[in-house]
Amino acid sequence: MKNYIVYNVQTGIIVKTGICSDSNFARQAEKGQKVIEGEASDVRQKVVDNVVVNKTPEEIEADKPPAIPFEHKPANITNEQWQDVLNRLDALENSLDK
């Protein structure tokens, strides 16, 4: 078994990492990608000239996804809470029909 790193040849961005059998090692990369043996963090590192190097703090910050405003974050509710919402909507609809 081998640890592998697949990266974009043009940008050096790490696309994926993992472990595979020796016979599947070369099959990990797709067009425009290259696979090398090793371990890396796609968040904190990149590949330059087939060598894993640390990203600068600016690169790490630039790669972060945009923050989701509180009002747009998903809410987790129970089935019971959801049923209560549906019941209230039904009651509202019934009161408007009258």
PDB file of N, CA and C in Angstrom:
ATOM      1  N   MET A   1       0.843  -1.181   0.000  1.00  0.00           N
ATOM      2  CA  MET A   1       0.000   0.000   0.000  1.00  0.00           C
ATOM      3  C   MET A   1       0.888   1.244   0.000  1.00  0.00           C
ATOM      4  N   LYS A   2       0.378   2.276  -0.690  1.00  0.00           N
ATOM      5  CA  LYS A   2       1.134   3.525  -0.783  1.00  0.00           C
ATOM      6  C   LYS A   2       0.234   4.704  -0.418  1.00  0.00           C
ATOM      7  N   ASN A   3       0.818   5.661   0.298  1.00  0.00           N
ATOM      8  CA  ASN A   3       0.162   6.948   0.484  1.00  0.00           C
ATOM      9  C   ASN A   3       0.401   7.743  -0.788  1.00  0.00           C
ATOM     10  N   TYR A   4      -0.647   8.422  -1.262  1.00  0.00           N
ATOM     11  CA  TYR A   4      -0.479   9.193  -2.488  1.00  0.00           C
ATOM     12  C   TYR A   4      -1.025  10.607  -2.345  1.00  0.00           C
ATOM     13  N   ILE A   5      -0.509  11.474  -3.206  1.00  0.00           N
ATOM     14  CA  ILE A   5      -0.959  12.863  -3.317  1.00  0.00           C
ATOM     15  C   ILE A   5      -1.209  13.106  -4.802  1.00  0.00           C
ATOM     16  N   VAL A   6      -2.402  13.545  -5.129  1.00  0.00           N
ATOM     17  CA  VAL A   6      -2.716  13.918  -6.506  1.00  0.00           C
ATOM     18  C   VAL A   6      -2.832  15.442  -6.537  1.00  0.00           C
ATOM     19  N   TYR A   7      -2.141  16.048  -7.499  1.00  0.00           N
ATOM     20  CA  TYR A   7      -2.175  17.508  -7.587  1.00  0.00           C
ATOM     21  C   TYR A   7      -2.327  17.970  -9.022  1.00  0.00           C
ATOM     22  N   ASN A   8      -2.825  19.195  -9.180  1.00  0.00           N
ATOM     23  CA  ASN A   8      -2.976  19.825 -10.476  1.00  0.00           C
ATOM     24  C   ASN A   8      -1.595  20.263 -10.954  1.00  0.00           C
ATOM     25  N   VAL A   9      -1.219  19.821 -12.146  1.00  0.00           N
ATOM     26  CA  VAL A   9       0.121  20.102 -12.669  1.00  0.00           C
ATOM     27  C   VAL A   9       0.343  21.598 -12.865  1.00  0.00           C
ATOM     28  N   GLN A  10      -0.680  22.335 -13.296  1.00  0.00           N
ATOM     29  CA  GLN A  10      -0.536  23.764 -13.576  1.00  0.00           C
ATOM     30  C   GLN A  10      -0.427  24.608 -12.315  1.00  0.00           C
ATOM     31  N   THR A  11      -1.246  24.286 -11.300  1.00  0.00           N
ATOM     32  CA  THR A  11      -1.339  25.150 -10.109  1.00  0.00           C
ATOM     33  C   THR A  11      -0.623  24.601  -8.877  1.00  0.00           C
ATOM     34  N   GLY A  12      -0.387  23.299  -8.850  1.00  0.00           N
ATOM     35  CA  GLY A  12       0.218  22.682  -7.671  1.00  0.00           C
ATOM     36  C   GLY A  12      -0.787  22.414  -6.561  1.00  0.00           C
ATOM     37  N   ILE A  13      -2.060  22.756  -6.799  1.00  0.00           N
ATOM     38  CA  ILE A  13      -3.092  22.539  -5.785  1.00  0.00           C
ATOM     39  C   ILE A  13      -3.331  21.046  -5.614  1.00  0.00           C
ATOM     40  N   ILE A  14      -3.358  20.607  -4.365  1.00  0.00           N
ATOM     41  CA  ILE A  14      -3.595  19.199  -4.054  1.00  0.00           C
ATOM     42  C   ILE A  14      -5.083  18.907  -4.239  1.00  0.00           C
ATOM     43  N   VAL A  15      -5.360  17.940  -5.103  1.00  0.00           N
ATOM     44  CA  VAL A  15      -6.732  17.577  -5.446  1.00  0.00           C
ATOM     45  C   VAL A  15      -7.275  16.528  -4.482  1.00  0.00           C
ATOM     46  N   LYS A  16      -6.448  15.542  -4.168  1.00  0.00           N
ATOM     47  CA  LYS A  16      -6.862  14.503  -3.227  1.00  0.00           C
ATOM     48  C   LYS A  16      -5.641  13.784  -2.684  1.00  0.00           C
ATOM     49  N   THR A  17      -5.841  13.130  -1.556  1.00  0.00           N
ATOM     50  CA  THR A  17      -4.809  12.302  -0.944  1.00  0.00           C
ATOM     51  C   THR A  17      -5.466  11.015  -0.485  1.00  0.00           C
ATOM     52  N   GLY A  18      -4.667   9.994  -0.267  1.00  0.00           N
ATOM     53  CA  GLY A  18      -5.232   8.740   0.216  1.00  0.00           C
ATOM     54  C   GLY A  18      -4.209   7.634   0.239  1.00  0.00           C
ATOM     55  N   ILE A  19      -4.732   6.420   0.320  1.00  0.00           N
ATOM     56  CA  ILE A  19      -3.905   5.210   0.332  1.00  0.00           C
ATOM     57  C   ILE A  19      -4.476   4.263  -0.719  1.00  0.00           C
ATOM     58  N   CYS A  20      -3.590   3.649  -1.494  1.00  0.00           N
ATOM     59  CA  CYS A  20      -4.041   2.693  -2.506  1.00  0.00           C
ATOM     60  C   CYS A  20      -3.002   1.584  -2.640  1.00  0.00           C
ATOM     61  N   SER A  21      -3.395   0.551  -3.365  1.00  0.00           N
ATOM     62  CA  SER A  21      -2.460  -0.533  -3.630  1.00  0.00           C
ATOM     63  C   SER A  21      -1.408  -0.057  -4.627  1.00  0.00           C
ATOM     64  N   ASP A  22      -0.277  -0.736  -4.636  1.00  0.00           N
ATOM     65  CA  ASP A  22       0.798  -0.371  -5.563  1.00  0.00           C
ATOM     66  C   ASP A  22       0.309  -0.423  -7.006  1.00  0.00           C
ATOM     67  N   SER A  23      -0.538  -1.400  -7.323  1.00  0.00           N
ATOM     68  CA  SER A  23      -1.007  -1.567  -8.700  1.00  0.00           C
ATOM     69  C   SER A  23      -1.972  -0.457  -9.129  1.00  0.00           C
ATOM     70  N   ASN A  24      -2.623   0.218  -8.195  1.00  0.00           N
ATOM     71  CA  ASN A  24      -3.558   1.298  -8.527  1.00  0.00           C
ATOM     72  C   ASN A  24      -2.944   2.689  -8.403  1.00  0.00           C
ATOM     73  N   PHE A  25      -1.704   2.771  -8.012  1.00  0.00           N
ATOM     74  CA  PHE A  25      -1.062   4.060  -7.757  1.00  0.00           C
ATOM     75  C   PHE A  25      -1.149   5.000  -8.970  1.00  0.00           C
ATOM     76  N   ALA A  26      -0.747   4.527 -10.129  1.00  0.00           N
ATOM     77  CA  ALA A  26      -0.709   5.372 -11.326  1.00  0.00           C
ATOM     78  C   ALA A  26      -2.101   5.761 -11.798  1.00  0.00           C
ATOM     79  N   ARG A  27      -3.115   5.035 -11.398  1.00  0.00           N
ATOM     80  CA  ARG A  27      -4.494   5.304 -11.832  1.00  0.00           C
ATOM     81  C   ARG A  27      -5.172   6.416 -11.036  1.00  0.00           C
ATOM     82  N   GLN A  28      -4.530   6.941 -10.021  1.00  0.00           N
ATOM     83  CA  GLN A  28      -5.154   7.946  -9.166  1.00  0.00           C
ATOM     84  C   GLN A  28      -5.286   9.304  -9.855  1.00  0.00           C
ATOM     85  N   ALA A  29      -4.353   9.635 -10.731  1.00  0.00           N
ATOM     86  CA  ALA A  29      -4.361  10.947 -11.389  1.00  0.00           C
ATOM     87  C   ALA A  29      -5.183  10.907 -12.666  1.00  0.00           C
ATOM     88  N   GLU A  30      -5.866  12.025 -12.935  1.00  0.00           N
ATOM     89  CA  GLU A  30      -6.618  12.198 -14.171  1.00  0.00           C
ATOM     90  C   GLU A  30      -5.862  13.170 -15.067  1.00  0.00           C
ATOM     91  N   LYS A  31      -6.460  13.514 -16.200  1.00  0.00           N
ATOM     92  CA  LYS A  31      -5.812  14.430 -17.144  1.00  0.00           C
ATOM     93  C   LYS A  31      -5.517  15.761 -16.453  1.00  0.00           C
ATOM     94  N   GLY A  32      -4.295  16.260 -16.628  1.00  0.00           N
ATOM     95  CA  GLY A  32      -3.891  17.531 -16.021  1.00  0.00           C
ATOM     96  C   GLY A  32      -3.431  17.397 -14.586  1.00  0.00           C
ATOM     97  N   GLN A  33      -3.367  16.165 -14.091  1.00  0.00           N
ATOM     98  CA  GLN A  33      -2.956  15.909 -12.712  1.00  0.00           C
ATOM     99  C   GLN A  33      -1.748  14.988 -12.705  1.00  0.00           C
ATOM    100  N   LYS A  34      -1.088  14.961 -11.567  1.00  0.00           N
ATOM    101  CA  LYS A  34       0.047  14.062 -11.373  1.00  0.00           C
ATOM    102  C   LYS A  34      -0.072  13.452  -9.989  1.00  0.00           C
ATOM    103  N   VAL A  35       0.391  12.227  -9.841  1.00  0.00           N
ATOM    104  CA  VAL A  35       0.367  11.555  -8.549  1.00  0.00           C
ATOM    105  C   VAL A  35       1.804  11.336  -8.079  1.00  0.00           C
ATOM    106  N   ILE A  36       2.029  11.629  -6.798  1.00  0.00           N
ATOM    107  CA  ILE A  36       3.319  11.344  -6.176  1.00  0.00           C
ATOM    108  C   ILE A  36       3.062  10.612  -4.870  1.00  0.00           C
ATOM    109  N   GLU A  37       4.064   9.938  -4.395  1.00  0.00           N
ATOM    110  CA  GLU A  37       3.932   9.214  -3.133  1.00  0.00           C
ATOM    111  C   GLU A  37       4.193  10.162  -1.972  1.00  0.00           C
ATOM    112  N   GLY A  38       3.388  10.043  -0.914  1.00  0.00           N
ATOM    113  CA  GLY A  38       3.595  10.852   0.271  1.00  0.00           C
ATOM    114  C   GLY A  38       2.298  11.193   0.969  1.00  0.00           C
ATOM    115  N   GLU A  39       2.423  12.050   1.983  1.00  0.00           N
ATOM    116  CA  GLU A  39       1.280  12.531   2.751  1.00  0.00           C
ATOM    117  C   GLU A  39       1.326  14.046   2.744  1.00  0.00           C
ATOM    118  N   ALA A  40       0.127  14.666   2.701  1.00  0.00           N
ATOM    119  CA  ALA A  40       0.063  16.128   2.681  1.00  0.00           C
ATOM    120  C   ALA A  40      -1.312  16.583   3.137  1.00  0.00           C
ATOM    121  N   SER A  41      -1.399  17.863   3.467  1.00  0.00           N
ATOM    122  CA  SER A  41      -2.658  18.511   3.811  1.00  0.00           C
ATOM    123  C   SER A  41      -3.032  19.436   2.662  1.00  0.00           C
ATOM    124  N   ASP A  42      -4.194  19.205   2.063  1.00  0.00           N
ATOM    125  CA  ASP A  42      -4.611  20.056   0.947  1.00  0.00           C
ATOM    126  C   ASP A  42      -4.918  21.478   1.399  1.00  0.00           C
ATOM    127  N   VAL A  43      -5.142  21.677   2.681  1.00  0.00           N
ATOM    128  CA  VAL A  43      -5.434  23.011   3.211  1.00  0.00           C
ATOM    129  C   VAL A  43      -4.144  23.803   3.434  1.00  0.00           C
ATOM    130  N   ARG A  44      -3.129  23.161   3.981  1.00  0.00           N
ATOM    131  CA  ARG A  44      -1.915  23.875   4.386  1.00  0.00           C
ATOM    132  C   ARG A  44      -0.736  23.714   3.428  1.00  0.00           C
ATOM    133  N   GLN A  45      -0.870  22.829   2.431  1.00  0.00           N
ATOM    134  CA  GLN A  45       0.273  22.559   1.567  1.00  0.00           C
ATOM    135  C   GLN A  45      -0.118  22.533   0.093  1.00  0.00           C
ATOM    136  N   LYS A  46       0.897  22.599  -0.765  1.00  0.00           N
ATOM    137  CA  LYS A  46       0.747  22.484  -2.217  1.00  0.00           C
ATOM    138  C   LYS A  46       1.985  21.764  -2.740  1.00  0.00           C
ATOM    139  N   VAL A  47       2.017  21.495  -4.037  1.00  0.00           N
ATOM    140  CA  VAL A  47       3.160  20.803  -4.625  1.00  0.00           C
ATOM    141  C   VAL A  47       3.845  21.727  -5.625  1.00  0.00           C
ATOM    142  N   VAL A  48       5.153  21.878  -5.461  1.00  0.00           N
ATOM    143  CA  VAL A  48       5.963  22.673  -6.371  1.00  0.00           C
ATOM    144  C   VAL A  48       7.134  21.807  -6.817  1.00  0.00           C
ATOM    145  N   ASP A  49       7.260  21.601  -8.135  1.00  0.00           N
ATOM    146  CA  ASP A  49       8.337  20.766  -8.689  1.00  0.00           C
ATOM    147  C   ASP A  49       8.387  19.395  -8.021  1.00  0.00           C
ATOM    148  N   ASN A  50       7.211  18.767  -7.876  1.00  0.00           N
ATOM    149  CA  ASN A  50       7.079  17.422  -7.292  1.00  0.00           C
ATOM    150  C   ASN A  50       7.448  17.351  -5.818  1.00  0.00           C
ATOM    151  N   VAL A  51       7.506  18.494  -5.142  1.00  0.00           N
ATOM    152  CA  VAL A  51       7.845  18.534  -3.727  1.00  0.00           C
ATOM    153  C   VAL A  51       6.705  19.211  -2.971  1.00  0.00           C
ATOM    154  N   VAL A  52       6.287  18.607  -1.869  1.00  0.00           N
ATOM    155  CA  VAL A  52       5.236  19.198  -1.039  1.00  0.00           C
ATOM    156  C   VAL A  52       5.853  20.345  -0.238  1.00  0.00           C
ATOM    157  N   VAL A  53       5.234  21.533  -0.363  1.00  0.00           N
ATOM    158  CA  VAL A  53       5.704  22.712   0.365  1.00  0.00           C
ATOM    159  C   VAL A  53       4.518  23.333   1.101  1.00  0.00           C
ATOM    160  N   ASN A  54       4.820  24.098   2.135  1.00  0.00           N
ATOM    161  CA  ASN A  54       3.770  24.789   2.882  1.00  0.00           C
ATOM    162  C   ASN A  54       3.284  26.008   2.116  1.00  0.00           C
ATOM    163  N   LYS A  55       1.968  26.221   2.155  1.00  0.00           N
ATOM    164  CA  LYS A  55       1.394  27.430   1.570  1.00  0.00           C
ATOM    165  C   LYS A  55       1.724  28.602   2.490  1.00  0.00           C
ATOM    166  N   THR A  56       1.745  29.788   1.919  1.00  0.00           N
ATOM    167  CA  THR A  56       1.921  30.981   2.734  1.00  0.00           C
ATOM    168  C   THR A  56       0.614  31.252   3.483  1.00  0.00           C
ATOM    169  N   PRO A  57       0.664  32.006   4.575  1.00  0.00           N
ATOM    170  CA  PRO A  57      -0.581  32.351   5.267  1.00  0.00           C
ATOM    171  C   PRO A  57      -1.582  33.055   4.343  1.00  0.00           C
ATOM    172  N   GLU A  58      -1.084  33.845   3.408  1.00  0.00           N
ATOM    173  CA  GLU A  58      -1.960  34.539   2.457  1.00  0.00           C
ATOM    174  C   GLU A  58      -2.661  33.547   1.533  1.00  0.00           C
ATOM    175  N   GLU A  59      -1.945  32.516   1.088  1.00  0.00           N
ATOM    176  CA  GLU A  59      -2.558  31.491   0.235  1.00  0.00           C
ATOM    177  C   GLU A  59      -3.615  30.701   0.995  1.00  0.00           C
ATOM    178  N   ILE A  60      -3.324  30.385   2.235  1.00  0.00           N
ATOM    179  CA  ILE A  60      -4.285  29.651   3.058  1.00  0.00           C
ATOM    180  C   ILE A  60      -5.544  30.486   3.246  1.00  0.00           C
ATOM    181  N   GLU A  61      -5.371  31.764   3.550  1.00  0.00           N
ATOM    182  CA  GLU A  61      -6.517  32.661   3.757  1.00  0.00           C
ATOM    183  C   GLU A  61      -7.332  32.812   2.476  1.00  0.00           C
ATOM    184  N   ALA A  62      -6.648  32.927   1.337  1.00  0.00           N
ATOM    185  CA  ALA A  62      -7.342  33.101   0.052  1.00  0.00           C
ATOM    186  C   ALA A  62      -8.148  31.866  -0.334  1.00  0.00           C
ATOM    187  N   ASP A  63      -7.720  30.701   0.115  1.00  0.00           N
ATOM    188  CA  ASP A  63      -8.404  29.450  -0.226  1.00  0.00           C
ATOM    189  C   ASP A  63      -9.613  29.162   0.659  1.00  0.00           C
ATOM    190  N   LYS A  64      -9.764  29.916   1.739  1.00  0.00           N
ATOM    191  CA  LYS A  64     -10.895  29.667   2.643  1.00  0.00           C
ATOM    192  C   LYS A  64     -12.205  29.988   1.941  1.00  0.00           C
ATOM    193  N   PRO A  65     -13.219  29.165   2.152  1.00  0.00           N
ATOM    194  CA  PRO A  65     -14.527  29.495   1.575  1.00  0.00           C
ATOM    195  C   PRO A  65     -15.098  30.728   2.264  1.00  0.00           C
ATOM    196  N   PRO A  66     -15.954  31.461   1.558  1.00  0.00           N
ATOM    197  CA  PRO A  66     -16.530  32.659   2.186  1.00  0.00           C
ATOM    198  C   PRO A  66     -17.391  32.281   3.386  1.00  0.00           C
ATOM    199  N   ALA A  67     -17.406  33.153   4.377  1.00  0.00           N
ATOM    200  CA  ALA A  67     -18.207  32.914   5.575  1.00  0.00           C
ATOM    201  C   ALA A  67     -19.686  33.008   5.221  1.00  0.00           C
ATOM    202  N   ILE A  68     -20.481  32.141   5.823  1.00  0.00           N
ATOM    203  CA  ILE A  68     -21.927  32.159   5.610  1.00  0.00           C
ATOM    204  C   ILE A  68     -22.544  33.010   6.706  1.00  0.00           C
ATOM    205  N   PRO A  69     -23.304  34.055   6.328  1.00  0.00           N
ATOM    206  CA  PRO A  69     -23.953  34.879   7.354  1.00  0.00           C
ATOM    207  C   PRO A  69     -24.891  34.024   8.201  1.00  0.00           C
ATOM    208  N   PHE A  70     -25.024  34.400   9.457  1.00  0.00           N
ATOM    209  CA  PHE A  70     -25.835  33.631  10.395  1.00  0.00           C
ATOM    210  C   PHE A  70     -27.231  33.356   9.857  1.00  0.00           C
ATOM    211  N   GLU A  71     -27.853  34.368   9.249  1.00  0.00           N
ATOM    212  CA  GLU A  71     -29.238  34.211   8.790  1.00  0.00           C
ATOM    213  C   GLU A  71     -29.364  33.257   7.596  1.00  0.00           C
ATOM    214  N   HIS A  72     -28.248  32.894   6.970  1.00  0.00           N
ATOM    215  CA  HIS A  72     -28.283  31.966   5.845  1.00  0.00           C
ATOM    216  C   HIS A  72     -27.775  30.567   6.208  1.00  0.00           C
ATOM    217  N   LYS A  73     -27.393  30.378   7.449  1.00  0.00           N
ATOM    218  CA  LYS A  73     -26.915  29.064   7.867  1.00  0.00           C
ATOM    219  C   LYS A  73     -28.093  28.113   8.002  1.00  0.00           C
ATOM    220  N   PRO A  74     -27.903  26.843   7.652  1.00  0.00           N
ATOM    221  CA  PRO A  74     -29.004  25.892   7.772  1.00  0.00           C
ATOM    222  C   PRO A  74     -29.357  25.647   9.239  1.00  0.00           C
ATOM    223  N   ALA A  75     -30.629  25.374   9.466  1.00  0.00           N
ATOM    224  CA  ALA A  75     -31.103  25.087  10.823  1.00  0.00           C
ATOM    225  C   ALA A  75     -31.425  23.598  10.920  1.00  0.00           C
ATOM    226  N   ASN A  76     -31.087  23.017  12.021  1.00  0.00           N
ATOM    227  CA  ASN A  76     -31.432  21.622  12.276  1.00  0.00           C
ATOM    228  C   ASN A  76     -32.590  21.594  13.253  1.00  0.00           C
ATOM    229  N   ILE A  77     -33.693  20.979  12.805  1.00  0.00           N
ATOM    230  CA  ILE A  77     -34.847  20.860  13.686  1.00  0.00           C
ATOM    231  C   ILE A  77     -35.280  19.402  13.724  1.00  0.00           C
ATOM    232  N   THR A  78     -35.971  19.052  14.762  1.00  0.00           N
ATOM    233  CA  THR A  78     -36.446  17.674  14.914  1.00  0.00           C
ATOM    234  C   THR A  78     -37.696  17.468  14.059  1.00  0.00           C
ATOM    235  N   ASN A  79     -38.058  16.226  13.846  1.00  0.00           N
ATOM    236  CA  ASN A  79     -39.299  15.910  13.136  1.00  0.00           C
ATOM    237  C   ASN A  79     -40.494  16.493  13.870  1.00  0.00           C
ATOM    238  N   GLU A  80     -40.457  16.457  15.194  1.00  0.00           N
ATOM    239  CA  GLU A  80     -41.552  17.006  16.002  1.00  0.00           C
ATOM    240  C   GLU A  80     -41.680  18.516  15.771  1.00  0.00           C
ATOM    241  N   GLN A  81     -40.557  19.217  15.732  1.00  0.00           N
ATOM    242  CA  GLN A  81     -40.595  20.654  15.480  1.00  0.00           C
ATOM    243  C   GLN A  81     -41.109  20.940  14.067  1.00  0.00           C
ATOM    244  N   TRP A  82     -40.696  20.147  13.092  1.00  0.00           N
ATOM    245  CA  TRP A  82     -41.146  20.327  11.723  1.00  0.00           C
ATOM    246  C   TRP A  82     -42.656  20.089  11.618  1.00  0.00           C
ATOM    247  N   GLN A  83     -43.140  19.061  12.296  1.00  0.00           N
ATOM    248  CA  GLN A  83     -44.571  18.786  12.283  1.00  0.00           C
ATOM    249  C   GLN A  83     -45.350  19.938  12.911  1.00  0.00           C
ATOM    250  N   ASP A  84     -44.802  20.539  13.949  1.00  0.00           N
ATOM    251  CA  ASP A  84     -45.445  21.694  14.577  1.00  0.00           C
ATOM    252  C   ASP A  84     -45.537  22.862  13.588  1.00  0.00           C
ATOM    253  N   VAL A  85     -44.488  23.095  12.815  1.00  0.00           N
ATOM    254  CA  VAL A  85     -44.503  24.150  11.796  1.00  0.00           C
ATOM    255  C   VAL A  85     -45.591  23.862  10.765  1.00  0.00           C
ATOM    256  N   LEU A  86     -45.657  22.616  10.297  1.00  0.00           N
ATOM    257  CA  LEU A  86     -46.674  22.250   9.308  1.00  0.00           C
ATOM    258  C   LEU A  86     -48.087  22.425   9.868  1.00  0.00           C
ATOM    259  N   ASN A  87     -48.280  22.040  11.122  1.00  0.00           N
ATOM    260  CA  ASN A  87     -49.593  22.200  11.751  1.00  0.00           C
ATOM    261  C   ASN A  87     -49.981  23.672  11.847  1.00  0.00           C
ATOM    262  N   ARG A  88     -49.035  24.518  12.195  1.00  0.00           N
ATOM    263  CA  ARG A  88     -49.313  25.961  12.282  1.00  0.00           C
ATOM    264  C   ARG A  88     -49.648  26.548  10.909  1.00  0.00           C
ATOM    265  N   LEU A  89     -48.940  26.083   9.872  1.00  0.00           N
ATOM    266  CA  LEU A  89     -49.240  26.556   8.522  1.00  0.00           C
ATOM    267  C   LEU A  89     -50.635  26.120   8.085  1.00  0.00           C
ATOM    268  N   ASP A  90     -50.978  24.881   8.410  1.00  0.00           N
ATOM    269  CA  ASP A  90     -52.329  24.390   8.100  1.00  0.00           C
ATOM    270  C   ASP A  90     -53.373  25.238   8.821  1.00  0.00           C
ATOM    271  N   ALA A  91     -53.142  25.544  10.084  1.00  0.00           N
ATOM    272  CA  ALA A  91     -54.087  26.349  10.858  1.00  0.00           C
ATOM    273  C   ALA A  91     -54.198  27.758  10.266  1.00  0.00           C
ATOM    274  N   LEU A  92     -53.092  28.319   9.846  1.00  0.00           N
ATOM    275  CA  LEU A  92     -53.104  29.645   9.237  1.00  0.00           C
ATOM    276  C   LEU A  92     -53.875  29.620   7.925  1.00  0.00           C
ATOM    277  N   GLU A  93     -53.612  28.627   7.113  1.00  0.00           N
ATOM    278  CA  GLU A  93     -54.321  28.497   5.847  1.00  0.00           C
ATOM    279  C   GLU A  93     -55.829  28.345   6.067  1.00  0.00           C
ATOM    280  N   ASN A  94     -56.215  27.535   7.051  1.00  0.00           N
ATOM    281  CA  ASN A  94     -57.631  27.333   7.356  1.00  0.00           C
ATOM    282  C   ASN A  94     -58.284  28.625   7.835  1.00  0.00           C
ATOM    283  N   SER A  95     -57.563  29.423   8.612  1.00  0.00           N
ATOM    284  CA  SER A  95     -58.138  30.678   9.113  1.00  0.00           C
ATOM    285  C   SER A  95     -58.285  31.701   7.987  1.00  0.00           C
ATOM    286  N   LEU A  96     -57.446  31.641   6.975  1.00  0.00           N
ATOM    287  CA  LEU A  96     -57.538  32.560   5.845  1.00  0.00           C
ATOM    288  C   LEU A  96     -58.648  32.173   4.886  1.00  0.00           C
ATOM    289  N   ASP A  97     -58.981  30.883   4.838  1.00  0.00           N
ATOM    290  CA  ASP A  97     -60.042  30.394   3.954  1.00  0.00           C
ATOM    291  C   ASP A  97     -61.421  30.807   4.438  1.00  0.00           C
ATOM    292  N   LYS A  98     -61.565  31.123   5.717  1.00  0.00           N
ATOM    293  CA  LYS A  98     -62.868  31.436   6.290  1.00  0.00           C
ATOM    294  C   LYS A  98     -63.300  32.831   6.030  1.00  0.00           C
TER     295      LYS A  98
END
